[in-house]
């Protein structure tokens, strides 16, 4: 039988190289076989079941150990917010050039003025092109490898918070829509600064607002 999860289950495939791996001895014997005798002192709490023993040796929001309930155990350290901002700027420039070329090709500009009359329909057209391209870019790139070009160049990737795997297309679409729809239609760079800048202050996982919506984190890929 195939080890692939059923479609739509939301579980990453078993061969996903970024999926958090259990310790080598997990699954050997009964899960109750290692319990202390009745009435004896239980062992100290070990925190996350992965215990920081994953293939990356990470754990803890800064990659320096674990604490009870740490979702990042077994994952690389979180990416610095400054590098995330630089990667986002690089992506915005690249996609923005394509948006500009398409608006020229289709005759769609932010607005035109003729005898003090502003045509808002063309502004909506430009916003629609920007939203579609930015969302498509993020969704396709991140759902394939966890990386946009900017993140790849700077050694980062997006991962599911719960299992470290590359986000699914559905998860990435939610993440991208939260980031880019307000950007394209109303708030432009103000929303991008708020949404992405949230990671500078969020603890313990440095999540932007789009990360919180999709339950993702950005970690080092080096």
Protein backbone atom coordinates (compact mmCIF):
# COMPACT_ATOMS: atom_id res chain seq x y z
CA UNK A 1 0.00 0.00 0.00
CA UNK A 2 1.13 3.57 -0.65
CA UNK A 3 2.39 5.62 2.30
CA UNK A 4 1.01 8.80 0.78
CA UNK A 5 -1.73 10.45 2.87
CA UNK A 6 -5.21 10.62 1.31
CA UNK A 7 -5.89 13.75 -0.79
CA UNK A 8 -7.24 16.65 1.24
CA UNK A 9 -6.05 15.17 4.55
CA UNK A 10 -3.73 18.15 5.14
CA UNK A 11 -0.89 15.80 6.13
CA UNK A 12 2.52 16.16 4.41
CA UNK A 13 3.79 13.20 2.38
CA UNK A 14 6.10 10.80 4.20
CA UNK A 15 9.01 11.61 1.85
CA UNK A 16 8.84 15.39 2.44
CA UNK A 17 12.50 16.20 3.29
CA UNK A 18 11.45 19.04 5.60
CA UNK A 19 8.92 17.09 7.65
CA UNK A 20 9.92 16.78 11.30
CA UNK A 21 11.18 13.28 12.02
CA UNK A 22 10.60 11.35 15.28
CA UNK A 23 13.56 10.01 17.23
CA UNK A 24 15.05 6.79 15.79
CA UNK A 25 13.78 4.61 18.66
CA UNK A 26 10.20 5.89 18.49
CA UNK A 27 7.68 3.17 17.83
CA UNK A 28 9.72 0.37 19.42
CA UNK A 29 7.58 -1.61 21.86
CA UNK A 30 4.47 -0.52 23.70
CA UNK A 31 4.01 3.21 24.33
CA UNK A 32 3.39 2.25 27.97
CA UNK A 33 6.49 0.06 28.33
CA UNK A 34 8.69 2.86 29.64
CA UNK A 35 6.28 4.11 32.31
CA UNK A 36 7.71 4.28 35.88
CA UNK A 37 6.32 1.89 38.52
CA UNK A 38 3.21 2.98 40.33
CA UNK A 39 4.00 5.43 43.10
CA UNK A 40 7.50 6.28 41.88
CA UNK A 41 8.66 9.76 40.94
CA UNK A 42 7.97 10.48 37.24
CA UNK A 43 10.88 11.72 35.12
CA UNK A 44 11.22 15.45 34.45
CA UNK A 45 8.97 16.81 31.72
CA UNK A 46 10.71 16.52 28.35
CA UNK A 47 8.67 19.06 26.40
CA UNK A 48 7.93 18.42 22.76
CA UNK A 49 7.81 14.71 21.78
CA UNK A 50 10.46 15.40 19.15
CA UNK A 51 12.76 16.63 21.90
CA UNK A 52 14.98 18.60 19.55
CA UNK A 53 16.31 15.36 18.13
CA UNK A 54 15.18 15.95 14.55
CA UNK A 55 17.50 16.02 11.58
CA UNK A 56 18.29 19.69 12.10
CA UNK A 57 19.10 19.61 15.79
CA UNK A 58 17.10 22.79 16.22
CA UNK A 59 14.42 23.50 18.75
CA UNK A 60 13.33 26.57 20.61
CA UNK A 61 12.37 29.80 18.84
CA UNK A 62 16.05 30.75 18.47
CA UNK A 63 17.34 27.25 17.80
CA UNK A 64 18.92 27.02 21.24
CA UNK A 65 17.04 24.26 23.06
CA UNK A 66 13.46 23.37 23.79
CA UNK A 67 10.85 24.06 26.39
CA UNK A 68 7.58 22.28 27.15
CA UNK A 69 5.24 22.29 24.18
CA UNK A 70 7.79 23.79 21.77
CA UNK A 71 6.46 23.33 18.21
CA UNK A 72 9.86 24.10 16.69
CA UNK A 73 11.68 21.16 18.25
CA UNK A 74 13.40 19.24 15.47
CA UNK A 75 13.28 22.21 13.09
CA UNK A 76 15.90 24.77 12.00
CA UNK A 77 16.09 28.11 13.86
CA UNK A 78 13.66 30.87 12.97
CA UNK A 79 14.80 33.24 10.23
CA UNK A 80 15.71 36.78 11.33
CA UNK A 81 12.96 39.32 10.64
CA UNK A 82 15.43 41.61 8.89
CA UNK A 83 16.30 38.93 6.31
CA UNK A 84 12.58 38.24 5.83
CA UNK A 85 11.99 41.91 5.08
CA UNK A 86 14.83 42.01 2.54
CA UNK A 87 13.54 38.86 0.84
CA UNK A 88 10.05 40.37 0.64
CA UNK A 89 11.42 43.56 -0.93
CA UNK A 90 13.27 41.52 -3.57
CA UNK A 91 10.08 39.58 -4.39
CA UNK A 92 8.01 42.76 -4.57
CA UNK A 93 10.46 44.35 -6.99
CA UNK A 94 10.52 41.33 -9.31
CA UNK A 95 6.75 40.81 -9.39
CA UNK A 96 6.16 44.58 -9.47
CA UNK A 97 8.11 44.84 -12.73
CA UNK A 98 5.86 42.20 -14.29
CA UNK A 99 2.75 44.01 -13.02
CA UNK A 100 4.00 47.28 -14.52
CA UNK A 101 4.70 45.67 -17.90
CA UNK A 102 1.26 44.05 -17.99
CA UNK A 103 -0.52 47.27 -17.07
CA UNK A 104 1.26 48.96 -19.97
CA UNK A 105 0.41 46.11 -22.34
CA UNK A 106 -3.29 46.15 -21.42
CA UNK A 107 -3.55 49.92 -21.13
CA UNK A 108 -4.38 49.69 -17.43
CA UNK A 109 -2.99 52.46 -15.29
CA UNK A 110 -3.64 53.51 -11.72
CA UNK A 111 -5.81 56.43 -12.86
CA UNK A 112 -6.26 58.89 -15.70
CA UNK A 113 -7.51 62.44 -15.51
CA UNK A 114 -9.53 64.12 -18.25
CA UNK A 115 -11.11 67.48 -17.48
CA UNK A 116 -10.81 66.79 -13.74
CA UNK A 117 -12.50 63.39 -14.12
CA UNK A 118 -10.71 60.44 -12.56
CA UNK A 119 -11.43 57.02 -14.03
CA UNK A 120 -11.37 54.66 -11.05
CA UNK A 121 -12.14 51.57 -13.15
CA UNK A 122 -8.58 51.46 -14.43
CA UNK A 123 -7.25 51.70 -10.89
CA UNK A 124 -9.25 48.60 -10.00
CA UNK A 125 -7.89 46.82 -13.07
CA UNK A 126 -4.32 47.48 -12.03
CA UNK A 127 -5.05 46.37 -8.49
CA UNK A 128 -6.62 43.16 -9.76
CA UNK A 129 -3.57 42.32 -11.90
CA UNK A 130 -1.26 43.02 -8.95
CA UNK A 131 -3.30 40.87 -6.55
CA UNK A 132 -3.51 37.92 -8.96
CA UNK A 133 0.20 37.96 -9.79
CA UNK A 134 1.47 38.40 -6.24
CA UNK A 135 -0.85 35.69 -4.87
CA UNK A 136 -0.04 33.30 -7.72
CA UNK A 137 3.70 33.88 -7.31
CA UNK A 138 3.71 33.19 -3.58
CA UNK A 139 1.29 30.26 -3.79
CA UNK A 140 3.07 28.40 -6.58
CA UNK A 141 6.62 28.98 -5.32
CA UNK A 142 6.02 28.29 -1.63
CA UNK A 143 3.77 25.25 -2.12
CA UNK A 144 6.49 23.67 -4.29
CA UNK A 145 9.57 24.23 -2.17
CA UNK A 146 8.68 26.54 0.71
CA UNK A 147 10.66 29.34 -0.93
CA UNK A 148 10.13 32.34 -3.13
CA UNK A 149 13.18 33.52 -5.07
CA UNK A 150 13.94 36.11 -2.41
CA UNK A 151 13.79 33.53 0.37
CA UNK A 152 15.87 31.07 -1.64
CA UNK A 153 18.62 33.63 -2.24
CA UNK A 154 18.72 34.54 1.46
CA UNK A 155 18.53 30.98 2.79
CA UNK A 156 15.02 30.77 4.27
CA UNK A 157 11.87 28.76 3.77
CA UNK A 158 8.26 28.70 4.93
CA UNK A 159 7.20 25.69 7.02
CA UNK A 160 4.08 24.42 8.73
CA UNK A 161 4.28 25.23 12.43
CA UNK A 162 2.89 21.87 13.50
CA UNK A 163 5.07 19.49 11.49
CA UNK A 164 7.82 21.46 9.70
CA UNK A 165 6.68 20.33 6.25
CA UNK A 166 6.33 22.49 3.14
CA UNK A 167 2.88 24.14 3.27
CA UNK A 168 0.17 22.80 0.98
CA UNK A 169 -1.25 24.89 -1.86
CA UNK A 170 -4.37 25.58 0.22
CA UNK A 171 -2.35 26.77 3.22
CA UNK A 172 -0.12 28.90 1.01
CA UNK A 173 -3.12 30.43 -0.75
CA UNK A 174 -4.54 31.56 2.61
CA UNK A 175 -1.16 32.99 3.60
CA UNK A 176 -0.74 34.81 0.28
CA UNK A 177 -4.30 36.18 0.20
CA UNK A 178 -4.00 37.70 3.68
CA UNK A 179 -0.75 39.40 2.66
CA UNK A 180 -1.55 40.60 -0.86
CA UNK A 181 -5.29 41.36 -1.18
CA UNK A 182 -5.17 44.37 1.20
CA UNK A 183 -1.87 45.40 -0.38
CA UNK A 184 -3.34 45.46 -3.89
CA UNK A 185 -6.73 47.04 -3.21
CA UNK A 186 -6.46 49.47 -0.34
CA UNK A 187 -3.45 49.70 1.95
CA UNK A 188 -0.45 49.10 -0.31
CA UNK A 189 2.85 49.23 1.52
CA UNK A 190 1.18 50.19 4.81
CA UNK A 191 -0.46 46.78 5.07
CA UNK A 192 2.72 44.99 4.01
CA UNK A 193 4.63 46.80 6.73
CA UNK A 194 2.03 45.92 9.37
CA UNK A 195 1.52 42.32 8.24
CA UNK A 196 5.17 41.44 7.78
CA UNK A 197 6.44 43.77 10.49
CA UNK A 198 4.40 41.87 13.05
CA UNK A 199 7.16 39.24 13.03
CA UNK A 200 9.55 41.73 14.66
CA UNK A 201 7.44 41.74 17.83
CA UNK A 202 5.66 38.38 17.80
CA UNK A 203 6.82 35.85 20.37
CA UNK A 204 7.83 33.09 20.44
CA UNK A 205 7.55 32.22 16.73
CA UNK A 206 8.15 35.54 14.89
CA UNK A 207 4.95 35.11 12.88
CA UNK A 208 3.58 37.80 10.60
CA UNK A 209 -0.19 38.22 10.45
CA UNK A 210 -0.25 36.12 7.27
CA UNK A 211 1.73 33.40 9.11
CA UNK A 212 -0.81 33.42 11.93
CA UNK A 213 -3.67 33.00 9.44
CA UNK A 214 -1.96 30.02 7.81
CA UNK A 215 -0.18 28.63 10.92
CA UNK A 216 3.26 28.84 9.30
CA UNK A 217 6.71 29.99 10.34
CA UNK A 218 9.79 31.09 8.38
CA UNK A 219 12.94 29.15 9.25
CA UNK A 220 16.51 28.96 8.06
CA UNK A 221 17.18 26.76 5.05
CA UNK A 222 20.99 26.87 5.26
